[in-house]
Amino acid sequence: MNKYSKSSRKQLASCDRRLQEVFNEVLLEVDHTILEGHRGKASQNAAFRLGKSKLKWPNGDHNQKPSKALDATPYPIDWEDKARHFFFAGYVLGVAEMMGIKIRWGGDWDSDKDFEDQTFNDLVHFEIIDD
């Protein structure tokens, strides 16, 4: 049975309950790690400077409390295996849809299922969509 590390549990606990529900459900079938939930000012601005985010503090969904975004990747981590990230994202999005929770993925920002039209890929990023 898959289970979160102490670090993943801490990061997930900093997130909106809907993200917690989706990712706890995903964990039942697909092992993964939660890299980051809430980001403080220093972390967000560092992510921006490094090109890992397009937004400065406090404009990112990671900056809210609880966080409306998290970064997660299949476990064990393999940054070179892009196909695993696409598979994982599809699974996460399917689980979220079945639960009635709207989520956007950083590999398809406009949610049109056209992965070639992205100008910024963040394959580990998932965020709540509030209508």
C-alpha atoms as a PDB file:
ATOM      1  CA  MET A   1       0.000   0.000   0.000  1.00  0.00           C
ATOM      2  CA  ASN A   2       1.292   3.441  -0.918  1.00  0.00           C
ATOM      3  CA  LYS A   3       1.738   6.041   1.780  1.00  0.00           C
ATOM      4  CA  TYR A   4       3.058   9.564   2.023  1.00  0.00           C
ATOM      5  CA  SER A   5       6.364  10.491   3.584  1.00  0.00           C
ATOM      6  CA  LYS A   6       6.383  12.935   6.481  1.00  0.00           C
ATOM      7  CA  SER A   7       7.397  15.713   4.075  1.00  0.00           C
ATOM      8  CA  SER A   8       4.592  14.925   1.611  1.00  0.00           C
ATOM      9  CA  ARG A   9       2.028  14.844   4.433  1.00  0.00           C
ATOM     10  CA  LYS A  10       3.226  18.242   5.651  1.00  0.00           C
ATOM     11  CA  GLN A  11       3.059  19.777   2.172  1.00  0.00           C
ATOM     12  CA  LEU A  12      -0.383  18.294   1.466  1.00  0.00           C
ATOM     13  CA  ALA A  13      -1.703  19.519   4.829  1.00  0.00           C
ATOM     14  CA  SER A  14      -0.947  23.090   3.706  1.00  0.00           C
ATOM     15  CA  CYS A  15      -3.400  22.720   0.803  1.00  0.00           C
ATOM     16  CA  ASP A  16      -7.094  23.254   0.204  1.00  0.00           C
ATOM     17  CA  ARG A  17      -9.113  20.283   1.473  1.00  0.00           C
ATOM     18  CA  ARG A  18     -10.227  19.478  -2.109  1.00  0.00           C
ATOM     19  CA  LEU A  19      -6.632  18.957  -3.193  1.00  0.00           C
ATOM     20  CA  GLN A  20      -6.097  16.806  -0.115  1.00  0.00           C
ATOM     21  CA  GLU A  21      -9.125  14.673  -1.000  1.00  0.00           C
ATOM     22  CA  VAL A  22      -8.064  14.192  -4.628  1.00  0.00           C
ATOM     23  CA  PHE A  23      -4.437  13.352  -3.902  1.00  0.00           C
ATOM     24  CA  ASN A  24      -5.297  11.007  -1.032  1.00  0.00           C
ATOM     25  CA  GLU A  25      -7.585   9.155  -3.464  1.00  0.00           C
ATOM     26  CA  VAL A  26      -4.884   9.096  -6.166  1.00  0.00           C
ATOM     27  CA  LEU A  27      -2.407   7.642  -3.648  1.00  0.00           C
ATOM     28  CA  LEU A  28      -4.578   4.533  -3.315  1.00  0.00           C
ATOM     29  CA  GLU A  29      -3.530   3.486  -6.837  1.00  0.00           C
ATOM     30  CA  VAL A  30      -0.554   5.600  -7.933  1.00  0.00           C
ATOM     31  CA  ASP A  31       2.452   6.253  -5.723  1.00  0.00           C
ATOM     32  CA  HIS A  32       3.622   9.857  -5.814  1.00  0.00           C
ATOM     33  CA  THR A  33       5.218  12.537  -3.715  1.00  0.00           C
ATOM     34  CA  ILE A  34       3.949  16.009  -2.855  1.00  0.00           C
ATOM     35  CA  LEU A  35       6.828  18.348  -3.572  1.00  0.00           C
ATOM     36  CA  GLU A  36       5.253  21.605  -2.456  1.00  0.00           C
ATOM     37  CA  GLY A  37       1.972  23.050  -1.268  1.00  0.00           C
ATOM     38  CA  HIS A  38       1.930  26.511   0.277  1.00  0.00           C
ATOM     39  CA  ARG A  39       4.768  28.850  -0.686  1.00  0.00           C
ATOM     40  CA  GLY A  40       5.828  31.820   1.383  1.00  0.00           C
ATOM     41  CA  LYS A  41       7.147  35.051  -0.079  1.00  0.00           C
ATOM     42  CA  ALA A  42      10.797  33.988  -0.307  1.00  0.00           C
ATOM     43  CA  SER A  43       9.985  30.623  -1.901  1.00  0.00           C
ATOM     44  CA  GLN A  44       7.558  32.116  -4.424  1.00  0.00           C
ATOM     45  CA  ASN A  45       9.936  34.856  -5.490  1.00  0.00           C
ATOM     46  CA  ALA A  46      12.781  32.331  -5.773  1.00  0.00           C
ATOM     47  CA  ALA A  47      10.582  30.132  -7.992  1.00  0.00           C
ATOM     48  CA  PHE A  48       9.880  33.199 -10.140  1.00  0.00           C
ATOM     49  CA  ARG A  49      13.590  34.117 -10.419  1.00  0.00           C
ATOM     50  CA  LEU A  50      14.471  30.538 -11.385  1.00  0.00           C
ATOM     51  CA  GLY A  51      11.783  30.462 -14.082  1.00  0.00           C
ATOM     52  CA  LYS A  52       9.749  27.806 -12.252  1.00  0.00           C
ATOM     53  CA  SER A  53       6.822  30.199 -11.837  1.00  0.00           C
ATOM     54  CA  LYS A  54       5.441  33.036 -13.921  1.00  0.00           C
ATOM     55  CA  LEU A  55       4.085  34.834 -10.853  1.00  0.00           C
ATOM     56  CA  LYS A  56       5.654  36.820  -8.038  1.00  0.00           C
ATOM     57  CA  TRP A  57       4.396  36.817  -4.453  1.00  0.00           C
ATOM     58  CA  PRO A  58       1.477  37.076  -3.562  1.00  0.00           C
ATOM     59  CA  ASN A  59      -0.147  36.352  -6.920  1.00  0.00           C
ATOM     60  CA  GLY A  60       0.287  32.569  -7.142  1.00  0.00           C
ATOM     61  CA  ASP A  61      -2.230  29.942  -6.088  1.00  0.00           C
ATOM     62  CA  HIS A  62       0.561  28.425  -3.966  1.00  0.00           C
ATOM     63  CA  ASN A  63       0.569  31.660  -1.919  1.00  0.00           C
ATOM     64  CA  GLN A  64      -2.921  31.336  -0.470  1.00  0.00           C
ATOM     65  CA  LYS A  65      -3.669  29.752   2.886  1.00  0.00           C
ATOM     66  CA  PRO A  66      -4.688  27.069   2.451  1.00  0.00           C
ATOM     67  CA  SER A  67      -2.819  26.676  -0.829  1.00  0.00           C
ATOM     68  CA  LYS A  68      -4.976  26.339  -3.940  1.00  0.00           C
ATOM     69  CA  ALA A  69      -2.078  24.637  -5.739  1.00  0.00           C
ATOM     70  CA  LEU A  70       0.443  21.887  -5.195  1.00  0.00           C
ATOM     71  CA  ASP A  71       3.313  20.288  -7.020  1.00  0.00           C
ATOM     72  CA  ALA A  72       3.337  16.489  -7.181  1.00  0.00           C
ATOM     73  CA  THR A  73       5.262  13.897  -9.161  1.00  0.00           C
ATOM     74  CA  PRO A  74       5.110  10.126  -9.575  1.00  0.00           C
ATOM     75  CA  TYR A  75       7.350   8.187  -7.198  1.00  0.00           C
ATOM     76  CA  PRO A  76      10.109   7.199  -7.569  1.00  0.00           C
ATOM     77  CA  ILE A  77      11.044  10.556  -9.058  1.00  0.00           C
ATOM     78  CA  ASP A  78      12.431  10.540 -12.599  1.00  0.00           C
ATOM     79  CA  TRP A  79      12.604  14.068 -14.033  1.00  0.00           C
ATOM     80  CA  GLU A  80      13.572  12.750 -17.473  1.00  0.00           C
ATOM     81  CA  ASP A  81      10.468  10.557 -17.919  1.00  0.00           C
ATOM     82  CA  LYS A  82       7.938  13.073 -19.262  1.00  0.00           C
ATOM     83  CA  ALA A  83       5.507  10.306 -20.260  1.00  0.00           C
ATOM     84  CA  ARG A  84       5.081   9.342 -16.583  1.00  0.00           C
ATOM     85  CA  HIS A  85       4.122  12.953 -15.778  1.00  0.00           C
ATOM     86  CA  PHE A  86       1.500  12.950 -18.533  1.00  0.00           C
ATOM     87  CA  PHE A  87       0.121   9.594 -17.360  1.00  0.00           C
ATOM     88  CA  PHE A  88       0.074  10.771 -13.745  1.00  0.00           C
ATOM     89  CA  ALA A  89      -1.657  14.038 -14.651  1.00  0.00           C
ATOM     90  CA  GLY A  90      -4.313  12.163 -16.610  1.00  0.00           C
ATOM     91  CA  TYR A  91      -4.959   9.933 -13.627  1.00  0.00           C
ATOM     92  CA  VAL A  92      -5.161  12.898 -11.229  1.00  0.00           C
ATOM     93  CA  LEU A  93      -7.510  14.801 -13.541  1.00  0.00           C
ATOM     94  CA  GLY A  94      -9.719  11.729 -13.976  1.00  0.00           C
ATOM     95  CA  VAL A  95      -9.973  11.159 -10.220  1.00  0.00           C
ATOM     96  CA  ALA A  96     -10.741  14.836  -9.635  1.00  0.00           C
ATOM     97  CA  GLU A  97     -13.455  14.787 -12.293  1.00  0.00           C
ATOM     98  CA  MET A  98     -15.051  11.678 -10.774  1.00  0.00           C
ATOM     99  CA  MET A  99     -15.061  13.486  -7.416  1.00  0.00           C
ATOM    100  CA  GLY A 100     -16.635  16.609  -8.933  1.00  0.00           C
ATOM    101  CA  ILE A 101     -13.554  18.733  -8.206  1.00  0.00           C
ATOM    102  CA  LYS A 102     -12.218  21.013 -10.937  1.00  0.00           C
ATOM    103  CA  ILE A 103      -8.440  21.010 -11.280  1.00  0.00           C
ATOM    104  CA  ARG A 104      -6.072  22.588 -13.804  1.00  0.00           C
ATOM    105  CA  TRP A 105      -2.745  20.971 -14.686  1.00  0.00           C
ATOM    106  CA  GLY A 106       0.424  22.881 -15.557  1.00  0.00           C
ATOM    107  CA  GLY A 107       0.924  20.811 -18.709  1.00  0.00           C
ATOM    108  CA  ASP A 108      -2.386  22.010 -20.178  1.00  0.00           C
ATOM    109  CA  TRP A 109      -3.117  25.453 -18.738  1.00  0.00           C
ATOM    110  CA  ASP A 110      -6.153  26.085 -20.939  1.00  0.00           C
ATOM    111  CA  SER A 111      -7.506  22.547 -20.346  1.00  0.00           C
ATOM    112  CA  ASP A 112      -8.123  21.994 -24.065  1.00  0.00           C
ATOM    113  CA  LYS A 113      -6.170  18.688 -24.145  1.00  0.00           C
ATOM    114  CA  ASP A 114      -3.812  20.183 -26.753  1.00  0.00           C
ATOM    115  CA  PHE A 115      -0.417  19.841 -25.125  1.00  0.00           C
ATOM    116  CA  GLU A 116       1.429  21.479 -28.005  1.00  0.00           C
ATOM    117  CA  ASP A 117      -0.046  24.970 -27.455  1.00  0.00           C
ATOM    118  CA  GLN A 118       1.626  25.567 -24.084  1.00  0.00           C
ATOM    119  CA  THR A 119       4.144  28.377 -23.682  1.00  0.00           C
ATOM    120  CA  PHE A 120       5.090  27.315 -20.146  1.00  0.00           C
ATOM    121  CA  ASN A 121       5.116  23.697 -18.996  1.00  0.00           C
ATOM    122  CA  ASP A 122       4.928  22.932 -15.297  1.00  0.00           C
ATOM    123  CA  LEU A 123       4.239  19.204 -15.375  1.00  0.00           C
ATOM    124  CA  VAL A 124       4.147  18.834 -11.584  1.00  0.00           C
ATOM    125  CA  HIS A 125       1.666  21.686 -10.959  1.00  0.00           C
ATOM    126  CA  PHE A 126      -2.014  21.123 -10.111  1.00  0.00           C
ATOM    127  CA  GLU A 127      -4.430  23.833  -8.971  1.00  0.00           C
ATOM    128  CA  ILE A 128      -8.061  24.165  -7.932  1.00  0.00           C
ATOM    129  CA  ILE A 129     -10.342  25.932 -10.380  1.00  0.00           C
ATOM    130  CA  ASP A 130     -12.929  27.997  -8.563  1.00  0.00           C
ATOM    131  CA  ASP A 131     -15.691  29.178 -10.868  1.00  0.00           C
END
